[in-house]
Protein backbone atom coordinates (compact mmCIF):
# COMPACT_ATOMS: atom_id res chain seq x y z
CA UNK A 1 0.00 0.00 0.00
CA UNK A 2 1.09 3.56 -0.74
CA UNK A 3 1.05 5.72 2.41
CA UNK A 4 0.94 8.85 0.25
CA UNK A 5 -2.78 8.17 -0.19
CA UNK A 6 -3.72 9.94 3.07
CA UNK A 7 -6.37 12.33 1.92
CA UNK A 8 -9.66 12.72 -0.01
CA UNK A 9 -13.25 13.05 1.21
CA UNK A 10 -15.50 10.51 2.84
CA UNK A 11 -19.24 11.20 2.68
CA UNK A 12 -18.36 14.76 1.64
CA UNK A 13 -16.27 15.44 4.76
CA UNK A 14 -12.55 15.99 5.08
CA UNK A 15 -10.65 13.23 6.86
CA UNK A 16 -7.43 13.96 8.71
CA UNK A 17 -4.07 13.43 7.05
CA UNK A 18 -3.43 10.25 9.00
CA UNK A 19 -6.34 8.44 7.37
CA UNK A 20 -5.41 5.75 4.87
CA UNK A 21 -8.21 5.25 2.38
CA UNK A 22 -8.54 2.04 0.37
CA UNK A 23 -8.49 1.82 -3.41
CA UNK A 24 -11.28 -0.55 -4.42
CA UNK A 25 -12.00 -2.26 -7.72
CA UNK A 26 -15.18 -4.08 -8.77
CA UNK A 27 -15.39 -7.17 -10.91
CA UNK A 28 -19.11 -7.73 -10.99
CA UNK A 29 -22.27 -5.77 -11.58
CA UNK A 30 -24.53 -2.92 -10.56
CA UNK A 31 -25.38 -4.65 -7.26
CA UNK A 32 -21.93 -3.70 -5.98
CA UNK A 33 -21.53 -0.48 -7.98
CA UNK A 34 -24.84 0.89 -6.67
CA UNK A 35 -23.57 0.54 -3.11
CA UNK A 36 -20.75 3.02 -3.85
CA UNK A 37 -23.27 5.53 -5.19
CA UNK A 38 -25.81 5.03 -2.41
CA UNK A 39 -23.23 5.26 0.36
CA UNK A 40 -21.33 8.17 -1.23
CA UNK A 41 -17.95 6.47 -1.49
CA UNK A 42 -17.36 6.72 -5.23
CA UNK A 43 -14.04 8.44 -4.52
CA UNK A 44 -12.69 5.06 -3.41
CA UNK A 45 -13.58 3.28 -6.66
CA UNK A 46 -10.62 2.87 -9.01
CA UNK A 47 -12.05 0.41 -11.55
CA UNK A 48 -15.42 -1.09 -12.43
CA UNK A 49 -15.49 -4.14 -14.68
CA UNK A 50 -19.00 -5.36 -15.57
CA UNK A 51 -20.71 -7.66 -18.11
CA UNK A 52 -17.67 -9.93 -18.17
CA UNK A 53 -17.88 -13.55 -17.07
CA UNK A 54 -15.11 -15.00 -14.97
CA UNK A 55 -15.30 -17.98 -17.35
CA UNK A 56 -13.39 -15.82 -19.82
CA UNK A 57 -10.85 -14.48 -17.34
CA UNK A 58 -7.34 -15.30 -18.52
CA UNK A 59 -8.41 -16.23 -22.05
CA UNK A 60 -6.91 -14.41 -25.02
CA UNK A 61 -8.63 -11.28 -26.27
CA UNK A 62 -9.91 -10.88 -29.79
CA UNK A 63 -7.37 -9.37 -32.17
CA UNK A 64 -9.57 -8.01 -34.92
CA UNK A 65 -11.48 -4.90 -35.93
CA UNK A 66 -14.43 -4.18 -33.68
CA UNK A 67 -15.78 -1.18 -35.55
CA UNK A 68 -19.37 -2.29 -34.99
CA UNK A 69 -18.97 -1.24 -31.35
CA UNK A 70 -18.95 2.39 -32.52
CA UNK A 71 -22.75 2.09 -32.58
CA UNK A 72 -22.56 1.92 -28.79
CA UNK A 73 -21.51 4.87 -26.68
CA UNK A 74 -19.87 5.63 -23.36
CA UNK A 75 -20.03 2.92 -20.71
CA UNK A 76 -21.71 0.42 -23.03
CA UNK A 77 -18.91 0.59 -25.59
CA UNK A 78 -16.01 0.50 -23.14
CA UNK A 79 -17.61 -2.36 -21.18
CA UNK A 80 -18.01 -4.59 -24.23
CA UNK A 81 -14.58 -3.62 -25.58
CA UNK A 82 -12.86 -4.56 -22.32
CA UNK A 83 -14.59 -7.94 -22.34
CA UNK A 84 -13.83 -8.77 -25.97
CA UNK A 85 -10.19 -7.68 -25.77
CA UNK A 86 -9.73 -9.10 -22.25
CA UNK A 87 -8.25 -5.87 -20.97
CA UNK A 88 -6.30 -6.64 -17.80
CA UNK A 89 -7.56 -5.46 -14.44
CA UNK A 90 -5.45 -2.57 -13.06
CA UNK A 91 -4.32 -4.45 -9.96
CA UNK A 92 -1.62 -1.87 -9.18
CA UNK A 93 -4.38 0.69 -8.68
CA UNK A 94 -6.34 -1.25 -6.07
CA UNK A 95 -5.99 -2.69 -2.59
CA UNK A 96 -9.22 -4.69 -2.65
CA UNK A 97 -11.28 -6.30 -5.39
CA UNK A 98 -15.00 -6.71 -4.73
CA UNK A 99 -16.41 -9.58 -6.75
CA UNK A 100 -20.07 -10.33 -7.34
CA UNK A 101 -21.50 -12.86 -9.78
CA UNK A 102 -24.81 -11.33 -10.85
CA UNK A 103 -23.51 -10.67 -14.38
CA UNK A 104 -22.86 -14.38 -14.77
CA UNK A 105 -26.54 -14.43 -15.79
CA UNK A 106 -25.66 -13.82 -19.44
CA UNK A 107 -24.98 -16.52 -22.01
CA UNK A 108 -21.31 -17.27 -22.75
CA UNK A 109 -19.94 -17.41 -26.29
CA UNK A 110 -16.57 -18.17 -27.81
CA UNK A 111 -14.46 -17.44 -30.85
CA UNK A 112 -11.08 -19.11 -31.38
CA UNK A 113 -9.50 -18.95 -27.89
CA UNK A 114 -11.67 -16.16 -26.53
CA UNK A 115 -14.63 -16.63 -24.19
CA UNK A 116 -16.93 -13.62 -23.97
CA UNK A 117 -20.27 -12.54 -22.55
CA UNK A 118 -23.37 -11.99 -24.65
CA UNK A 119 -24.44 -9.01 -22.61
CA UNK A 120 -27.43 -6.84 -23.45
CA UNK A 121 -24.92 -4.27 -24.71
CA UNK A 122 -23.35 -6.71 -27.16
CA UNK A 123 -26.81 -7.88 -28.23
CA UNK A 124 -27.78 -4.27 -29.05
CA UNK A 125 -25.34 -4.33 -31.97
CA UNK A 126 -25.88 -8.00 -32.93
CA UNK A 127 -22.33 -8.60 -31.78
CA UNK A 128 -22.40 -12.40 -31.65
CA UNK A 129 -23.52 -12.62 -35.28
CA UNK A 130 -20.97 -10.06 -36.42
CA UNK A 131 -18.21 -11.89 -34.58
CA UNK A 132 -19.47 -15.24 -35.83
CA UNK A 133 -19.25 -16.55 -32.29
CA UNK A 134 -20.66 -19.84 -31.06
CA UNK A 135 -22.21 -20.71 -27.71
CA UNK A 136 -19.42 -21.99 -25.48
CA UNK A 137 -21.66 -24.20 -23.31
CA UNK A 138 -25.02 -24.23 -21.59
CA UNK A 139 -25.19 -22.16 -18.42
CA UNK A 140 -25.49 -24.39 -15.38
CA UNK A 141 -23.74 -27.31 -17.09
CA UNK A 142 -20.65 -29.03 -15.72
CA UNK A 143 -18.70 -27.56 -18.63
CA UNK A 144 -19.82 -24.11 -17.50
CA UNK A 145 -18.70 -24.74 -13.92
CA UNK A 146 -15.34 -26.14 -15.11
CA UNK A 147 -14.66 -23.02 -17.20
CA UNK A 148 -15.65 -20.82 -14.28
CA UNK A 149 -13.27 -22.69 -11.99
CA UNK A 150 -10.36 -22.14 -14.38
CA UNK A 151 -11.13 -18.43 -14.49
CA UNK A 152 -11.36 -18.28 -10.68
CA UNK A 153 -7.98 -19.96 -10.26
CA UNK A 154 -6.33 -17.41 -12.56
CA UNK A 155 -8.14 -14.45 -10.97
CA UNK A 156 -7.19 -15.43 -7.40
CA UNK A 157 -3.61 -16.06 -8.48
CA UNK A 158 -3.45 -12.56 -9.94
CA UNK A 159 -4.94 -11.04 -6.79
CA UNK A 160 -2.34 -12.82 -4.67
CA UNK A 161 0.62 -11.89 -6.88
CA UNK A 162 -0.37 -8.19 -6.75
CA UNK A 163 -1.21 -8.13 -3.04
CA UNK A 164 -4.88 -7.36 -3.70
CA UNK A 165 -7.44 -8.75 -1.27
CA UNK A 166 -10.51 -10.31 -2.95
CA UNK A 167 -13.88 -10.00 -1.22
CA UNK A 168 -16.84 -12.00 -2.50
CA UNK A 169 -20.19 -10.18 -2.46
CA UNK A 170 -22.74 -12.99 -2.24
CA UNK A 171 -25.62 -11.28 -4.03
CA UNK A 172 -28.86 -13.03 -4.98
CA UNK A 173 -31.90 -12.43 -7.15
CA UNK A 174 -34.71 -11.11 -4.93
CA UNK A 175 -37.94 -13.08 -4.69
CA UNK A 176 -39.89 -10.22 -3.08
CA UNK A 177 -40.31 -6.51 -3.72
CA UNK A 178 -41.03 -3.70 -1.29
CA UNK A 179 -44.45 -2.08 -1.04
CA UNK A 180 -45.84 0.81 0.97
CA UNK A 181 -47.26 -1.56 3.59
CA UNK A 182 -44.71 -4.38 3.44
CA UNK A 183 -43.55 -6.82 0.78
CA UNK A 184 -45.02 -8.97 -1.96
CA UNK A 185 -43.76 -11.52 -4.48
CA UNK A 186 -41.81 -9.73 -7.21
CA UNK A 187 -43.94 -11.32 -9.95
CA UNK A 188 -47.03 -13.46 -10.42
CA UNK A 189 -45.38 -15.18 -13.38
CA UNK A 190 -44.54 -18.68 -12.17
CA UNK A 191 -41.94 -19.20 -14.91
CA UNK A 192 -40.18 -16.00 -13.88
CA UNK A 193 -40.11 -17.09 -10.25
CA UNK A 194 -38.72 -20.46 -11.36
CA UNK A 195 -35.98 -18.63 -13.24
CA UNK A 196 -35.08 -16.61 -10.14
CA UNK A 197 -34.71 -19.82 -8.13
CA UNK A 198 -32.62 -21.35 -10.92
CA UNK A 199 -30.35 -18.31 -11.12
CA UNK A 200 -29.83 -18.40 -7.36
CA UNK A 201 -28.96 -22.10 -7.55
CA UNK A 202 -26.31 -21.32 -10.19
CA UNK A 203 -24.95 -18.47 -8.07
CA UNK A 204 -24.59 -20.85 -5.13
CA UNK A 205 -22.64 -23.34 -7.24
CA UNK A 206 -20.34 -20.61 -8.54
CA UNK A 207 -19.70 -19.29 -5.04
CA UNK A 208 -18.96 -22.81 -3.83
CA UNK A 209 -16.25 -23.00 -6.50
CA UNK A 210 -14.70 -19.79 -5.19
CA UNK A 211 -14.69 -21.17 -1.66
CA UNK A 212 -13.22 -24.48 -2.78
CA UNK A 213 -10.26 -22.65 -4.33
CA UNK A 214 -9.93 -20.10 -1.53
CA UNK A 215 -11.68 -21.43 1.61
CA UNK A 216 -10.76 -18.35 3.66
CA UNK A 217 -12.01 -15.77 1.17
CA UNK A 218 -13.79 -12.88 2.89
CA UNK A 219 -17.49 -12.55 2.06
CA UNK A 220 -20.25 -10.00 2.48
CA UNK A 221 -23.97 -10.71 2.06
CA UNK A 222 -27.37 -9.42 3.12
CA UNK A 223 -29.95 -12.11 2.51
CA UNK A 224 -32.48 -10.56 4.91
CA UNK A 225 -32.37 -7.26 2.99
CA UNK A 226 -32.51 -8.90 -0.46
CA UNK A 227 -35.67 -7.05 -1.47
CA UNK A 228 -36.29 -5.51 -4.91
CA UNK A 229 -37.07 -1.80 -5.05
CA UNK A 230 -39.85 -0.75 -7.48
CA UNK A 231 -38.55 2.83 -7.22
CA UNK A 232 -34.92 1.98 -8.02
CA UNK A 233 -33.17 4.36 -10.42
CA UNK A 234 -32.80 1.58 -12.99
CA UNK A 235 -36.29 0.14 -12.54
CA UNK A 236 -37.69 -2.99 -10.92
CA UNK A 237 -35.36 -5.98 -11.27
CA UNK A 238 -34.52 -8.83 -8.86
CA UNK A 239 -31.04 -7.31 -8.43
CA UNK A 240 -32.07 -3.67 -7.91
CA UNK A 241 -32.42 -3.54 -4.14
CA UNK A 242 -33.86 -1.34 -1.41
CA UNK A 243 -31.51 1.14 0.24
CA UNK A 244 -31.17 -0.92 3.41
CA UNK A 245 -29.44 -3.63 1.40
CA UNK A 246 -26.64 -1.31 0.27
CA UNK A 247 -26.23 0.16 3.75
CA UNK A 248 -25.92 -3.30 5.28
CA UNK A 249 -23.38 -4.42 2.68
CA UNK A 250 -21.41 -1.24 3.31
CA UNK A 251 -21.31 -1.86 7.07
CA UNK A 252 -19.82 -5.30 6.44
CA UNK A 253 -17.30 -3.86 4.00
CA UNK A 254 -16.30 -1.24 6.57
CA UNK A 255 -15.66 -4.00 9.09
CA UNK A 256 -13.35 -5.75 6.62
CA UNK A 257 -11.54 -2.47 5.90
CA UNK A 258 -10.93 -1.89 9.61
CA UNK A 259 -9.51 -5.40 9.91
CA UNK A 260 -7.03 -4.44 7.18
CA UNK A 261 -5.99 -1.31 9.13
CA UNK A 262 -7.76 1.18 6.91
CA UNK A 263 -9.01 4.01 9.09
CA UNK A 264 -12.38 4.51 7.58
CA UNK A 265 -15.52 6.55 8.23
CA UNK A 266 -18.76 4.57 8.38
CA UNK A 267 -21.67 5.59 6.18
CA UNK A 268 -24.42 7.64 7.79
CA UNK A 269 -27.93 7.60 6.28
């Protein structure tokens, strides 16, 4: 860690010059990114890598023209580009890497030696067809879990070699949504509810793989607060949560930061 990083603002307030603030990266999805926004700690975020399956981590990037991505803009374009080219994570710019697996919900495709995610962004520009990619395997298959395990091994090796602490955010798809007078099932569509249960089963298997490789990996989770928010900025989805979820996750992250000797200010609602 670089002791020159004794500065910045936390929750809009100055911290004294003896405070060492962490540099945090995300390999995951909005469920972790939204916590930084909600808890006003975006100044700690050094990298956000989304829509990129760990199955493809460590595989070779595509070495060809990707001009069709020019039809995307901003975050959408850079996100897909980083996945297709397998841009390396900037480990030297982070102390911790928060990992969540919600974006493992997308189908996985391959071309030559590259494994990539068919995200909604890539689908917007018919990317799979333009790349002439083929489905790598069925999600939830043993082949899927084997590819994920290989990516996990490489990712954790890279974290260790760079002195970056990985923390696994055990997020889930919410079954219920908040209402003015309580909670209700997020949908009356039985097939949709079945899909939520299936996605959560896959998430559990993927997390078990992480723990098999690194049994002592630190984890944060908030199953009791896993409630969808109909008024979320990005709309009602099983992974767009109520504010209490993000606050609870942040409290657990703060605990981990204190254990690592970061002098950190807790979030205040």
